Amino acid sequence: MKLSLDAQPITLTQILRIVAAILFLVQGCFAWHYHSAYTSKSETLRTLQQSVANQDKEATLKLKALTTERDAKQAALNKQAKNQEKKDADSIGEIKRLSNQLVSSTVRVRIKPTSGSGCGST
């Protein structure tokens, strides 16, 4: 095999093919980079969505527990208020009964004369 030193000029077609190959490689690099970035962002988004879903479940359970606790306390307060109203009504009835008893009872007054306090004394 004999090497020739005769340099042949590069044709325009060859230059365009080289430029096209370089552009194709650059496009491939950009596509790979964007795909990697998209995959990373997509994974981050899935992680965040899962986190939000978990927090939503926890919040729902906590809300249900707090609502149950509130309802139980409200029921206890309602029962206490009802009992207090009954006691108040009983007390009002007892006060009326005693008032009527005092009004209808006769009052006896005993006057005890003491010395020097009569009508004719000076």
PDB file of N, CA and C in Angstrom:
ATOM      1  N   MET A   1       0.844  -1.150   0.000  1.00  0.00           N
ATOM      2  CA  MET A   1       0.000   0.000   0.000  1.00  0.00           C
ATOM      3  C   MET A   1       0.898   1.224   0.000  1.00  0.00           C
ATOM      4  N   LYS A   2       0.536   2.082  -0.814  1.00  0.00           N
ATOM      5  CA  LYS A   2       1.370   3.245  -1.004  1.00  0.00           C
ATOM      6  C   LYS A   2       0.615   4.477  -0.559  1.00  0.00           C
ATOM      7  N   LEU A   3       1.247   5.263   0.286  1.00  0.00           N
ATOM      8  CA  LEU A   3       0.620   6.500   0.729  1.00  0.00           C
ATOM      9  C   LEU A   3       0.904   7.584  -0.282  1.00  0.00           C
ATOM     10  N   SER A   4      -0.158   8.268  -0.571  1.00  0.00           N
ATOM     11  CA  SER A   4       0.073   9.359  -1.494  1.00  0.00           C
ATOM     12  C   SER A   4      -0.051  10.666  -0.752  1.00  0.00           C
ATOM     13  N   LEU A   5       0.739  11.553  -1.124  1.00  0.00           N
ATOM     14  CA  LEU A   5       0.731  12.855  -0.474  1.00  0.00           C
ATOM     15  C   LEU A   5      -0.129  13.842  -1.247  1.00  0.00           C
ATOM     16  N   ASP A   6      -0.762  13.341  -2.228  1.00  0.00           N
ATOM     17  CA  ASP A   6      -1.623  14.228  -3.003  1.00  0.00           C
ATOM     18  C   ASP A   6      -2.875  14.531  -2.183  1.00  0.00           C
ATOM     19  N   ALA A   7      -3.055  15.768  -1.803  1.00  0.00           N
ATOM     20  CA  ALA A   7      -4.214  16.164  -1.018  1.00  0.00           C
ATOM     21  C   ALA A   7      -5.336  16.523  -1.958  1.00  0.00           C
ATOM     22  N   GLN A   8      -6.465  15.915  -1.699  1.00  0.00           N
ATOM     23  CA  GLN A   8      -7.612  16.214  -2.529  1.00  0.00           C
ATOM     24  C   GLN A   8      -8.452  17.257  -1.811  1.00  0.00           C
ATOM     25  N   PRO A   9      -8.987  18.185  -2.498  1.00  0.00           N
ATOM     26  CA  PRO A   9      -9.795  19.218  -1.848  1.00  0.00           C
ATOM     27  C   PRO A   9     -11.103  18.616  -1.301  1.00  0.00           C
ATOM     28  N   ILE A  10     -11.536  19.177  -0.183  1.00  0.00           N
ATOM     29  CA  ILE A  10     -12.778  18.738   0.446  1.00  0.00           C
ATOM     30  C   ILE A  10     -13.921  19.411  -0.306  1.00  0.00           C
ATOM     31  N   THR A  11     -14.868  18.620  -0.648  1.00  0.00           N
ATOM     32  CA  THR A  11     -15.985  19.159  -1.415  1.00  0.00           C
ATOM     33  C   THR A  11     -17.028  19.763  -0.464  1.00  0.00           C
ATOM     34  N   LEU A  12     -17.885  20.550  -0.995  1.00  0.00           N
ATOM     35  CA  LEU A  12     -18.948  21.188  -0.225  1.00  0.00           C
ATOM     36  C   LEU A  12     -19.878  20.130   0.364  1.00  0.00           C
ATOM     37  N   THR A  13     -20.104  19.078  -0.338  1.00  0.00           N
ATOM     38  CA  THR A  13     -20.961  18.007   0.146  1.00  0.00           C
ATOM     39  C   THR A  13     -20.351  17.362   1.378  1.00  0.00           C
ATOM     40  N   GLN A  14     -19.062  17.150   1.370  1.00  0.00           N
ATOM     41  CA  GLN A  14     -18.393  16.558   2.528  1.00  0.00           C
ATOM     42  C   GLN A  14     -18.455  17.496   3.727  1.00  0.00           C
ATOM     43  N   ILE A  15     -18.279  18.772   3.510  1.00  0.00           N
ATOM     44  CA  ILE A  15     -18.356  19.760   4.597  1.00  0.00           C
ATOM     45  C   ILE A  15     -19.771  19.750   5.195  1.00  0.00           C
ATOM     46  N   LEU A  16     -20.765  19.720   4.350  1.00  0.00           N
ATOM     47  CA  LEU A  16     -22.146  19.703   4.839  1.00  0.00           C
ATOM     48  C   LEU A  16     -22.434  18.427   5.629  1.00  0.00           C
ATOM     49  N   ARG A  17     -21.893  17.304   5.166  1.00  0.00           N
ATOM     50  CA  ARG A  17     -22.072  16.059   5.890  1.00  0.00           C
ATOM     51  C   ARG A  17     -21.406  16.124   7.268  1.00  0.00           C
ATOM     52  N   ILE A  18     -20.220  16.708   7.348  1.00  0.00           N
ATOM     53  CA  ILE A  18     -19.510  16.845   8.635  1.00  0.00           C
ATOM     54  C   ILE A  18     -20.303  17.758   9.566  1.00  0.00           C
ATOM     55  N   VAL A  19     -20.777  18.887   9.035  1.00  0.00           N
ATOM     56  CA  VAL A  19     -21.563  19.819   9.844  1.00  0.00           C
ATOM     57  C   VAL A  19     -22.857  19.142  10.311  1.00  0.00           C
ATOM     58  N   ALA A  20     -23.486  18.400   9.431  1.00  0.00           N
ATOM     59  CA  ALA A  20     -24.724  17.699   9.797  1.00  0.00           C
ATOM     60  C   ALA A  20     -24.449  16.669  10.881  1.00  0.00           C
ATOM     61  N   ALA A  21     -23.334  15.950  10.786  1.00  0.00           N
ATOM     62  CA  ALA A  21     -22.979  14.961  11.806  1.00  0.00           C
ATOM     63  C   ALA A  21     -22.723  15.639  13.148  1.00  0.00           C
ATOM     64  N   ILE A  22     -22.021  16.769  13.124  1.00  0.00           N
ATOM     65  CA  ILE A  22     -21.751  17.510  14.368  1.00  0.00           C
ATOM     66  C   ILE A  22     -23.058  18.012  14.971  1.00  0.00           C
ATOM     67  N   LEU A  23     -23.940  18.568  14.161  1.00  0.00           N
ATOM     68  CA  LEU A  23     -25.228  19.057  14.650  1.00  0.00           C
ATOM     69  C   LEU A  23     -26.068  17.910  15.212  1.00  0.00           C
ATOM     70  N   PHE A  24     -26.001  16.752  14.543  1.00  0.00           N
ATOM     71  CA  PHE A  24     -26.728  15.592  15.028  1.00  0.00           C
ATOM     72  C   PHE A  24     -26.214  15.176  16.403  1.00  0.00           C
ATOM     73  N   LEU A  25     -24.884  15.183  16.602  1.00  0.00           N
ATOM     74  CA  LEU A  25     -24.301  14.846  17.907  1.00  0.00           C
ATOM     75  C   LEU A  25     -24.692  15.866  18.970  1.00  0.00           C
ATOM     76  N   VAL A  26     -24.657  17.142  18.614  1.00  0.00           N
ATOM     77  CA  VAL A  26     -25.041  18.196  19.563  1.00  0.00           C
ATOM     78  C   VAL A  26     -26.511  18.036  19.951  1.00  0.00           C
ATOM     79  N   GLN A  27     -27.353  17.779  18.954  1.00  0.00           N
ATOM     80  CA  GLN A  27     -28.777  17.575  19.239  1.00  0.00           C
ATOM     81  C   GLN A  27     -28.971  16.369  20.157  1.00  0.00           C
ATOM     82  N   GLY A  28     -28.235  15.307  19.934  1.00  0.00           N
ATOM     83  CA  GLY A  28     -28.314  14.130  20.795  1.00  0.00           C
ATOM     84  C   GLY A  28     -27.910  14.450  22.219  1.00  0.00           C
ATOM     85  N   CYS A  29     -26.847  15.251  22.385  1.00  0.00           N
ATOM     86  CA  CYS A  29     -26.411  15.647  23.738  1.00  0.00           C
ATOM     87  C   CYS A  29     -27.487  16.469  24.435  1.00  0.00           C
ATOM     88  N   PHE A  30     -28.065  17.450  23.708  1.00  0.00           N
ATOM     89  CA  PHE A  30     -29.121  18.259  24.306  1.00  0.00           C
ATOM     90  C   PHE A  30     -30.336  17.410  24.659  1.00  0.00           C
ATOM     91  N   ALA A  31     -30.704  16.493  23.783  1.00  0.00           N
ATOM     92  CA  ALA A  31     -31.851  15.626  24.045  1.00  0.00           C
ATOM     93  C   ALA A  31     -31.594  14.775  25.285  1.00  0.00           C
ATOM     94  N   TRP A  32     -30.399  14.226  25.413  1.00  0.00           N
ATOM     95  CA  TRP A  32     -30.061  13.417  26.585  1.00  0.00           C
ATOM     96  C   TRP A  32     -30.111  14.270  27.855  1.00  0.00           C
ATOM     97  N   HIS A  33     -29.563  15.498  27.775  1.00  0.00           N
ATOM     98  CA  HIS A  33     -29.574  16.400  28.934  1.00  0.00           C
ATOM     99  C   HIS A  33     -31.012  16.735  29.336  1.00  0.00           C
ATOM    100  N   TYR A  34     -31.849  17.108  28.376  1.00  0.00           N
ATOM    101  CA  TYR A  34     -33.226  17.454  28.693  1.00  0.00           C
ATOM    102  C   TYR A  34     -34.001  16.248  29.205  1.00  0.00           C
ATOM    103  N   HIS A  35     -33.727  15.084  28.656  1.00  0.00           N
ATOM    104  CA  HIS A  35     -34.383  13.873  29.140  1.00  0.00           C
ATOM    105  C   HIS A  35     -33.991  13.604  30.593  1.00  0.00           C
ATOM    106  N   SER A  36     -32.712  13.758  30.910  1.00  0.00           N
ATOM    107  CA  SER A  36     -32.248  13.551  32.294  1.00  0.00           C
ATOM    108  C   SER A  36     -32.894  14.565  33.226  1.00  0.00           C
ATOM    109  N   ALA A  37     -32.921  15.820  32.810  1.00  0.00           N
ATOM    110  CA  ALA A  37     -33.525  16.862  33.643  1.00  0.00           C
ATOM    111  C   ALA A  37     -35.016  16.595  33.822  1.00  0.00           C
ATOM    112  N   TYR A  38     -35.705  16.195  32.747  1.00  0.00           N
ATOM    113  CA  TYR A  38     -37.132  15.912  32.815  1.00  0.00           C
ATOM    114  C   TYR A  38     -37.397  14.733  33.756  1.00  0.00           C
ATOM    115  N   THR A  39     -36.583  13.695  33.626  1.00  0.00           N
ATOM    116  CA  THR A  39     -36.750  12.525  34.488  1.00  0.00           C
ATOM    117  C   THR A  39     -36.541  12.910  35.945  1.00  0.00           C
ATOM    118  N   SER A  40     -35.544  13.730  36.219  1.00  0.00           N
ATOM    119  CA  SER A  40     -35.269  14.177  37.589  1.00  0.00           C
ATOM    120  C   SER A  40     -36.439  15.004  38.126  1.00  0.00           C
ATOM    121  N   LYS A  41     -36.910  15.934  37.311  1.00  0.00           N
ATOM    122  CA  LYS A  41     -38.035  16.777  37.745  1.00  0.00           C
ATOM    123  C   LYS A  41     -39.297  15.949  37.909  1.00  0.00           C
ATOM    124  N   SER A  42     -39.481  14.987  37.032  1.00  0.00           N
ATOM    125  CA  SER A  42     -40.652  14.132  37.122  1.00  0.00           C
ATOM    126  C   SER A  42     -40.622  13.309  38.408  1.00  0.00           C
ATOM    127  N   GLU A  43     -39.460  12.794  38.747  1.00  0.00           N
ATOM    128  CA  GLU A  43     -39.315  12.026  39.997  1.00  0.00           C
ATOM    129  C   GLU A  43     -39.556  12.926  41.207  1.00  0.00           C
ATOM    130  N   THR A  44     -39.029  14.144  41.160  1.00  0.00           N
ATOM    131  CA  THR A  44     -39.253  15.102  42.248  1.00  0.00           C
ATOM    132  C   THR A  44     -40.742  15.404  42.382  1.00  0.00           C
ATOM    133  N   LEU A  45     -41.405  15.588  41.258  1.00  0.00           N
ATOM    134  CA  LEU A  45     -42.843  15.860  41.284  1.00  0.00           C
ATOM    135  C   LEU A  45     -43.607  14.687  41.885  1.00  0.00           C
ATOM    136  N   ARG A  46     -43.272  13.460  41.499  1.00  0.00           N
ATOM    137  CA  ARG A  46     -43.942  12.289  42.065  1.00  0.00           C
ATOM    138  C   ARG A  46     -43.718  12.218  43.576  1.00  0.00           C
ATOM    139  N   THR A  47     -42.495  12.513  44.016  1.00  0.00           N
ATOM    140  CA  THR A  47     -42.192  12.489  45.449  1.00  0.00           C
ATOM    141  C   THR A  47     -43.024  13.536  46.191  1.00  0.00           C
ATOM    142  N   LEU A  48     -43.103  14.729  45.625  1.00  0.00           N
ATOM    143  CA  LEU A  48     -43.895  15.790  46.255  1.00  0.00           C
ATOM    144  C   LEU A  48     -45.387  15.440  46.276  1.00  0.00           C
ATOM    145  N   GLN A  49     -45.876  14.858  45.195  1.00  0.00           N
ATOM    146  CA  GLN A  49     -47.285  14.470  45.153  1.00  0.00           C
ATOM    147  C   GLN A  49     -47.578  13.398  46.196  1.00  0.00           C
ATOM    148  N   GLN A  50     -46.661  12.465  46.373  1.00  0.00           N
ATOM    149  CA  GLN A  50     -46.844  11.426  47.385  1.00  0.00           C
ATOM    150  C   GLN A  50     -46.821  12.039  48.780  1.00  0.00           C
ATOM    151  N   SER A  51     -45.921  12.993  48.982  1.00  0.00           N
ATOM    152  CA  SER A  51     -45.833  13.671  50.276  1.00  0.00           C
ATOM    153  C   SER A  51     -47.129  14.426  50.584  1.00  0.00           C
ATOM    154  N   VAL A  52     -47.655  15.107  49.587  1.00  0.00           N
ATOM    155  CA  VAL A  52     -48.914  15.849  49.770  1.00  0.00           C
ATOM    156  C   VAL A  52     -50.053  14.878  50.063  1.00  0.00           C
ATOM    157  N   ALA A  53     -50.076  13.751  49.363  1.00  0.00           N
ATOM    158  CA  ALA A  53     -51.126  12.756  49.602  1.00  0.00           C
ATOM    159  C   ALA A  53     -51.037  12.205  51.022  1.00  0.00           C
ATOM    160  N   ASN A  54     -49.821  11.930  51.491  1.00  0.00           N
ATOM    161  CA  ASN A  54     -49.638  11.434  52.861  1.00  0.00           C
ATOM    162  C   ASN A  54     -50.073  12.473  53.884  1.00  0.00           C
ATOM    163  N   GLN A  55     -49.689  13.730  53.664  1.00  0.00           N
ATOM    164  CA  GLN A  55     -50.091  14.797  54.585  1.00  0.00           C
ATOM    165  C   GLN A  55     -51.600  14.965  54.581  1.00  0.00           C
ATOM    166  N   ASP A  56     -52.220  14.817  53.426  1.00  0.00           N
ATOM    167  CA  ASP A  56     -53.676  14.933  53.340  1.00  0.00           C
ATOM    168  C   ASP A  56     -54.343  13.823  54.146  1.00  0.00           C
ATOM    169  N   LYS A  57     -53.829  12.595  54.034  1.00  0.00           N
ATOM    170  CA  LYS A  57     -54.386  11.484  54.812  1.00  0.00           C
ATOM    171  C   LYS A  57     -54.229  11.736  56.311  1.00  0.00           C
ATOM    172  N   GLU A  58     -53.029  12.189  56.717  1.00  0.00           N
ATOM    173  CA  GLU A  58     -52.792  12.477  58.132  1.00  0.00           C
ATOM    174  C   GLU A  58     -53.721  13.582  58.622  1.00  0.00           C
ATOM    175  N   ALA A  59     -53.872  14.623  57.813  1.00  0.00           N
ATOM    176  CA  ALA A  59     -54.741  15.737  58.206  1.00  0.00           C
ATOM    177  C   ALA A  59     -56.197  15.283  58.312  1.00  0.00           C
ATOM    178  N   THR A  60     -56.621  14.422  57.407  1.00  0.00           N
ATOM    179  CA  THR A  60     -57.990  13.915  57.451  1.00  0.00           C
ATOM    180  C   THR A  60     -58.229  13.098  58.719  1.00  0.00           C
ATOM    181  N   LEU A  61     -57.271  12.237  59.046  1.00  0.00           N
ATOM    182  CA  LEU A  61     -57.402  11.438  60.270  1.00  0.00           C
ATOM    183  C   LEU A  61     -57.399  12.320  61.515  1.00  0.00           C
ATOM    184  N   LYS A  62     -56.512  13.313  61.531  1.00  0.00           N
ATOM    185  CA  LYS A  62     -56.434  14.207  62.690  1.00  0.00           C
ATOM    186  C   LYS A  62     -57.725  15.023  62.814  1.00  0.00           C
ATOM    187  N   LEU A  63     -58.235  15.490  61.682  1.00  0.00           N
ATOM    188  CA  LEU A  63     -59.493  16.248  61.707  1.00  0.00           C
ATOM    189  C   LEU A  63     -60.629  15.385  62.235  1.00  0.00           C
ATOM    190  N   LYS A  64     -60.673  14.138  61.805  1.00  0.00           N
ATOM    191  CA  LYS A  64     -61.730  13.238  62.273  1.00  0.00           C
ATOM    192  C   LYS A  64     -61.617  13.021  63.787  1.00  0.00           C
ATOM    193  N   ALA A  65     -60.381  12.821  64.273  1.00  0.00           N
ATOM    194  CA  ALA A  65     -60.174  12.604  65.711  1.00  0.00           C
ATOM    195  C   ALA A  65     -60.555  13.852  66.501  1.00  0.00           C
ATOM    196  N   LEU A  66     -60.122  15.023  66.018  1.00  0.00           N
ATOM    197  CA  LEU A  66     -60.444  16.258  66.726  1.00  0.00           C
ATOM    198  C   LEU A  66     -61.943  16.551  66.692  1.00  0.00           C
ATOM    199  N   THR A  67     -62.589  16.231  65.588  1.00  0.00           N
ATOM    200  CA  THR A  67     -64.039  16.434  65.488  1.00  0.00           C
ATOM    201  C   THR A  67     -64.765  15.526  66.474  1.00  0.00           C
ATOM    202  N   THR A  68     -64.329  14.280  66.567  1.00  0.00           N
ATOM    203  CA  THR A  68     -64.935  13.351  67.520  1.00  0.00           C
ATOM    204  C   THR A  68     -64.740  13.844  68.946  1.00  0.00           C
ATOM    205  N   GLU A  69     -63.535  14.318  69.244  1.00  0.00           N
ATOM    206  CA  GLU A  69     -63.243  14.837  70.588  1.00  0.00           C
ATOM    207  C   GLU A  69     -64.115  16.061  70.887  1.00  0.00           C
ATOM    208  N   ARG A  70     -64.231  16.956  69.906  1.00  0.00           N
ATOM    209  CA  ARG A  70     -65.058  18.154  70.093  1.00  0.00           C
ATOM    210  C   ARG A  70     -66.513  17.782  70.328  1.00  0.00           C
ATOM    211  N   ASP A  71     -67.017  16.834  69.540  1.00  0.00           N
ATOM    212  CA  ASP A  71     -68.408  16.417  69.682  1.00  0.00           C
ATOM    213  C   ASP A  71     -68.663  15.794  71.049  1.00  0.00           C
ATOM    214  N   ALA A  72     -67.700  15.009  71.541  1.00  0.00           N
ATOM    215  CA  ALA A  72     -67.855  14.396  72.864  1.00  0.00           C
ATOM    216  C   ALA A  72     -67.878  15.475  73.953  1.00  0.00           C
ATOM    217  N   LYS A  73     -66.981  16.451  73.845  1.00  0.00           N
ATOM    218  CA  LYS A  73     -66.957  17.532  74.840  1.00  0.00           C
ATOM    219  C   LYS A  73     -68.234  18.367  74.765  1.00  0.00           C
ATOM    220  N   GLN A  74     -68.718  18.608  73.547  1.00  0.00           N
ATOM    221  CA  GLN A  74     -69.948  19.388  73.397  1.00  0.00           C
ATOM    222  C   GLN A  74     -71.125  18.630  73.990  1.00  0.00           C
ATOM    223  N   ALA A  75     -71.175  17.322  73.787  1.00  0.00           N
ATOM    224  CA  ALA A  75     -72.255  16.517  74.365  1.00  0.00           C
ATOM    225  C   ALA A  75     -72.202  16.568  75.892  1.00  0.00           C
ATOM    226  N   ALA A  76     -70.987  16.507  76.458  1.00  0.00           N
ATOM    227  CA  ALA A  76     -70.847  16.597  77.916  1.00  0.00           C
ATOM    228  C   ALA A  76     -71.305  17.965  78.411  1.00  0.00           C
ATOM    229  N   LEU A  77     -70.945  19.027  77.690  1.00  0.00           N
ATOM    230  CA  LEU A  77     -71.386  20.372  78.079  1.00  0.00           C
ATOM    231  C   LEU A  77     -72.900  20.511  77.972  1.00  0.00           C
ATOM    232  N   ASN A  78     -73.482  19.947  76.920  1.00  0.00           N
ATOM    233  CA  ASN A  78     -74.945  20.003  76.768  1.00  0.00           C
ATOM    234  C   ASN A  78     -75.634  19.263  77.902  1.00  0.00           C
ATOM    235  N   LYS A  79     -75.100  18.114  78.280  1.00  0.00           N
ATOM    236  CA  LYS A  79     -75.681  17.347  79.386  1.00  0.00           C
ATOM    237  C   LYS A  79     -75.557  18.126  80.696  1.00  0.00           C
ATOM    238  N   GLN A  80     -74.395  18.725  80.909  1.00  0.00           N
ATOM    239  CA  GLN A  80     -74.174  19.515  82.119  1.00  0.00           C
ATOM    240  C   GLN A  80     -75.135  20.707  82.160  1.00  0.00           C
ATOM    241  N   ALA A  81     -75.323  21.361  81.018  1.00  0.00           N
ATOM    242  CA  ALA A  81     -76.237  22.507  80.956  1.00  0.00           C
ATOM    243  C   ALA A  81     -77.671  22.066  81.235  1.00  0.00           C
ATOM    244  N   LYS A  82     -78.059  20.910  80.696  1.00  0.00           N
ATOM    245  CA  LYS A  82     -79.415  20.398  80.934  1.00  0.00           C
ATOM    246  C   LYS A  82     -79.617  20.071  82.406  1.00  0.00           C
ATOM    247  N   ASN A  83     -78.614  19.445  83.026  1.00  0.00           N
ATOM    248  CA  ASN A  83     -78.697  19.147  84.458  1.00  0.00           C
ATOM    249  C   ASN A  83     -78.780  20.437  85.278  1.00  0.00           C
ATOM    250  N   GLN A  84     -77.997  21.441  84.890  1.00  0.00           N
ATOM    251  CA  GLN A  84     -78.015  22.705  85.616  1.00  0.00           C
ATOM    252  C   GLN A  84     -79.375  23.383  85.466  1.00  0.00           C
ATOM    253  N   GLU A  85     -79.956  23.326  84.261  1.00  0.00           N
ATOM    254  CA  GLU A  85     -81.288  23.907  84.067  1.00  0.00           C
ATOM    255  C   GLU A  85     -82.321  23.210  84.950  1.00  0.00           C
ATOM    256  N   LYS A  86     -82.210  21.895  85.064  1.00  0.00           N
ATOM    257  CA  LYS A  86     -83.147  21.147  85.943  1.00  0.00           C
ATOM    258  C   LYS A  86     -82.952  21.572  87.390  1.00  0.00           C
ATOM    259  N   LYS A  87     -81.688  21.700  87.825  1.00  0.00           N
ATOM    260  CA  LYS A  87     -81.421  22.134  89.208  1.00  0.00           C
ATOM    261  C   LYS A  87     -81.958  23.542  89.433  1.00  0.00           C
ATOM    262  N   ASP A  88     -81.756  24.411  88.439  1.00  0.00           N
ATOM    263  CA  ASP A  88     -82.261  25.783  88.560  1.00  0.00           C
ATOM    264  C   ASP A  88     -83.785  25.794  88.655  1.00  0.00           C
ATOM    265  N   ALA A  89     -84.437  24.999  87.824  1.00  0.00           N
ATOM    266  CA  ALA A  89     -85.908  24.936  87.868  1.00  0.00           C
ATOM    267  C   ALA A  89     -86.376  24.395  89.218  1.00  0.00           C
ATOM    268  N   ASP A  90     -85.696  23.365  89.731  1.00  0.00           N
ATOM    269  CA  ASP A  90     -86.044  22.825  91.054  1.00  0.00           C
ATOM    270  C   ASP A  90     -85.831  23.878  92.136  1.00  0.00           C
ATOM    271  N   SER A  91     -84.744  24.617  92.041  1.00  0.00           N
ATOM    272  CA  SER A  91     -84.452  25.665  93.035  1.00  0.00           C
ATOM    273  C   SER A  91     -85.487  26.774  92.972  1.00  0.00           C
ATOM    274  N   ILE A  92     -85.883  27.160  91.765  1.00  0.00           N
ATOM    275  CA  ILE A  92     -86.905  28.203  91.618  1.00  0.00           C
ATOM    276  C   ILE A  92     -88.223  27.714  92.221  1.00  0.00           C
ATOM    277  N   GLY A  93     -88.586  26.488  91.988  1.00  0.00           N
ATOM    278  CA  GLY A  93     -89.809  25.919  92.575  1.00  0.00           C
ATOM    279  C   GLY A  93     -89.738  25.906  94.094  1.00  0.00           C
ATOM    280  N   GLU A  94     -88.576  25.538  94.638  1.00  0.00           N
ATOM    281  CA  GLU A  94     -88.406  25.518  96.099  1.00  0.00           C
ATOM    282  C   GLU A  94     -88.489  26.931  96.670  1.00  0.00           C
ATOM    283  N   ILE A  95     -87.902  27.895  95.981  1.00  0.00           N
ATOM    284  CA  ILE A  95     -87.963  29.286  96.446  1.00  0.00           C
ATOM    285  C   ILE A  95     -89.408  29.785  96.433  1.00  0.00           C
ATOM    286  N   LYS A  96     -90.157  29.487  95.385  1.00  0.00           N
ATOM    287  CA  LYS A  96     -91.572  29.903  95.327  1.00  0.00           C
ATOM    288  C   LYS A  96     -92.374  29.245  96.438  1.00  0.00           C
ATOM    289  N   ARG A  97     -92.112  27.967  96.656  1.00  0.00           N
ATOM    290  CA  ARG A  97     -92.849  27.249  97.713  1.00  0.00           C
ATOM    291  C   ARG A  97     -92.556  27.872  99.064  1.00  0.00           C
ATOM    292  N   LEU A  98     -91.297  28.141  99.349  1.00  0.00           N
ATOM    293  CA  LEU A  98     -90.947  28.746 100.641  1.00  0.00           C
ATOM    294  C   LEU A  98     -91.497  30.168 100.764  1.00  0.00           C
ATOM    295  N   SER A  99     -91.492  30.909  99.666  1.00  0.00           N
ATOM    296  CA  SER A  99     -92.053  32.266  99.693  1.00  0.00           C
ATOM    297  C   SER A  99     -93.542  32.228  99.994  1.00  0.00           C
ATOM    298  N   ASN A 100     -94.251  31.339  99.349  1.00  0.00           N
ATOM    299  CA  ASN A 100     -95.689  31.202  99.605  1.00  0.00           C
ATOM    300  C   ASN A 100     -95.944  30.769 101.041  1.00  0.00           C
ATOM    301  N   GLN A 101     -95.119  29.882 101.545  1.00  0.00           N
ATOM    302  CA  GLN A 101     -95.271  29.418 102.923  1.00  0.00           C
ATOM    303  C   GLN A 101     -95.068  30.579 103.895  1.00  0.00           C
ATOM    304  N   LEU A 102     -94.066  31.415 103.624  1.00  0.00           N
ATOM    305  CA  LEU A 102     -93.823  32.564 104.505  1.00  0.00           C
ATOM    306  C   LEU A 102     -94.952  33.583 104.409  1.00  0.00           C
ATOM    307  N   VAL A 103     -95.461  33.792 103.206  1.00  0.00           N
ATOM    308  CA  VAL A 103     -96.534  34.773 103.025  1.00  0.00           C
ATOM    309  C   VAL A 103     -97.806  34.296 103.718  1.00  0.00           C
ATOM    310  N   SER A 104     -98.116  33.056 103.626  1.00  0.00           N
ATOM    311  CA  SER A 104     -99.361  32.544 104.188  1.00  0.00           C
ATOM    312  C   SER A 104     -99.256  32.217 105.677  1.00  0.00           C
ATOM    313  N   SER A 105     -98.094  32.170 106.217  1.00  0.00           N
ATOM    314  CA  SER A 105     -97.988  31.843 107.646  1.00  0.00           C
ATOM    315  C   SER A 105     -98.246  33.096 108.483  1.00  0.00           C
ATOM    316  N   THR A 106     -98.787  32.853 109.659  1.00  0.00           N
ATOM    317  CA  THR A 106     -99.048  33.964 110.567  1.00  0.00           C
ATOM    318  C   THR A 106     -97.783  34.250 111.359  1.00  0.00           C
ATOM    319  N   VAL A 107     -97.639  35.497 111.612  1.00  0.00           N
ATOM    320  CA  VAL A 107     -96.470  35.923 112.374  1.00  0.00           C
ATOM    321  C   VAL A 107     -96.939  36.291 113.763  1.00  0.00           C
ATOM    322  N   ARG A 108     -96.334  35.757 114.758  1.00  0.00           N
ATOM    323  CA  ARG A 108     -96.676  36.075 116.140  1.00  0.00           C
ATOM    324  C   ARG A 108     -95.575  36.958 116.696  1.00  0.00           C
ATOM    325  N   VAL A 109     -96.037  38.003 117.250  1.00  0.00           N
ATOM    326  CA  VAL A 109     -95.081  38.923 117.864  1.00  0.00           C
ATOM    327  C   VAL A 109     -95.375  38.956 119.342  1.00  0.00           C
ATOM    328  N   ARG A 110     -94.417  38.818 120.123  1.00  0.00           N
ATOM    329  CA  ARG A 110     -94.569  38.870 121.568  1.00  0.00           C
ATOM    330  C   ARG A 110     -93.863  40.125 122.045  1.00  0.00           C
ATOM    331  N   ILE A 111     -94.604  40.907 122.758  1.00  0.00           N
ATOM    332  CA  ILE A 111     -94.031  42.119 123.294  1.00  0.00           C
ATOM    333  C   ILE A 111     -93.760  41.866 124.766  1.00  0.00           C
ATOM    334  N   LYS A 112     -92.601  42.094 125.175  1.00  0.00           N
ATOM    335  CA  LYS A 112     -92.222  41.883 126.558  1.00  0.00           C
ATOM    336  C   LYS A 112     -91.920  43.256 127.152  1.00  0.00           C
ATOM    337  N   PRO A 113     -92.703  43.636 128.075  1.00  0.00           N
ATOM    338  CA  PRO A 113     -92.463  44.949 128.642  1.00  0.00           C
ATOM    339  C   PRO A 113     -91.189  44.939 129.490  1.00  0.00           C
ATOM    340  N   THR A 114     -90.504  45.998 129.361  1.00  0.00           N
ATOM    341  CA  THR A 114     -89.295  46.167 130.187  1.00  0.00           C
ATOM    342  C   THR A 114     -89.540  47.365 131.072  1.00  0.00           C
ATOM    343  N   SER A 115     -88.864  47.442 132.159  1.00  0.00           N
ATOM    344  CA  SER A 115     -89.110  48.523 133.102  1.00  0.00           C
ATOM    345  C   SER A 115     -88.678  49.850 132.510  1.00  0.00           C
ATOM    346  N   GLY A 116     -89.527  50.814 132.631  1.00  0.00           N
ATOM    347  CA  GLY A 116     -89.242  52.157 132.180  1.00  0.00           C
ATOM    348  C   GLY A 116     -89.497  52.349 130.719  1.00  0.00           C
ATOM    349  N   SER A 117     -90.119  51.448 130.090  1.00  0.00           N
ATOM    350  CA  SER A 117     -90.359  51.639 128.671  1.00  0.00           C
ATOM    351  C   SER A 117     -91.841  51.657 128.358  1.00  0.00           C
ATOM    352  N   GLY A 118     -92.675  51.827 129.348  1.00  0.00           N
ATOM    353  CA  GLY A 118     -94.119  51.820 129.137  1.00  0.00           C
ATOM    354  C   GLY A 118     -94.613  53.164 128.629  1.00  0.00           C
ATOM    355  N   CYS A 119     -95.974  53.252 128.473  1.00  0.00           N
ATOM    356  CA  CYS A 119     -96.585  54.450 127.948  1.00  0.00           C
ATOM    357  C   CYS A 119     -96.611  55.590 128.961  1.00  0.00           C
ATOM    358  N   GLY A 120     -96.774  55.301 130.148  1.00  0.00           N
ATOM    359  CA  GLY A 120     -96.878  56.352 131.142  1.00  0.00           C
ATOM    360  C   GLY A 120     -95.564  56.723 131.779  1.00  0.00           C
ATOM    361  N   SER A 121     -94.529  56.180 131.400  1.00  0.00           N
ATOM    362  CA  SER A 121     -93.254  56.464 132.097  1.00  0.00           C
ATOM    363  C   SER A 121     -92.598  57.697 131.502  1.00  0.00           C
ATOM    364  N   THR A 122     -91.925  58.387 132.334  1.00  0.00           N
ATOM    365  CA  THR A 122     -91.237  59.589 131.911  1.00  0.00           C
ATOM    366  C   THR A 122     -89.777  59.503 132.129  1.00  0.00           C
TER     367      THR A 122
END
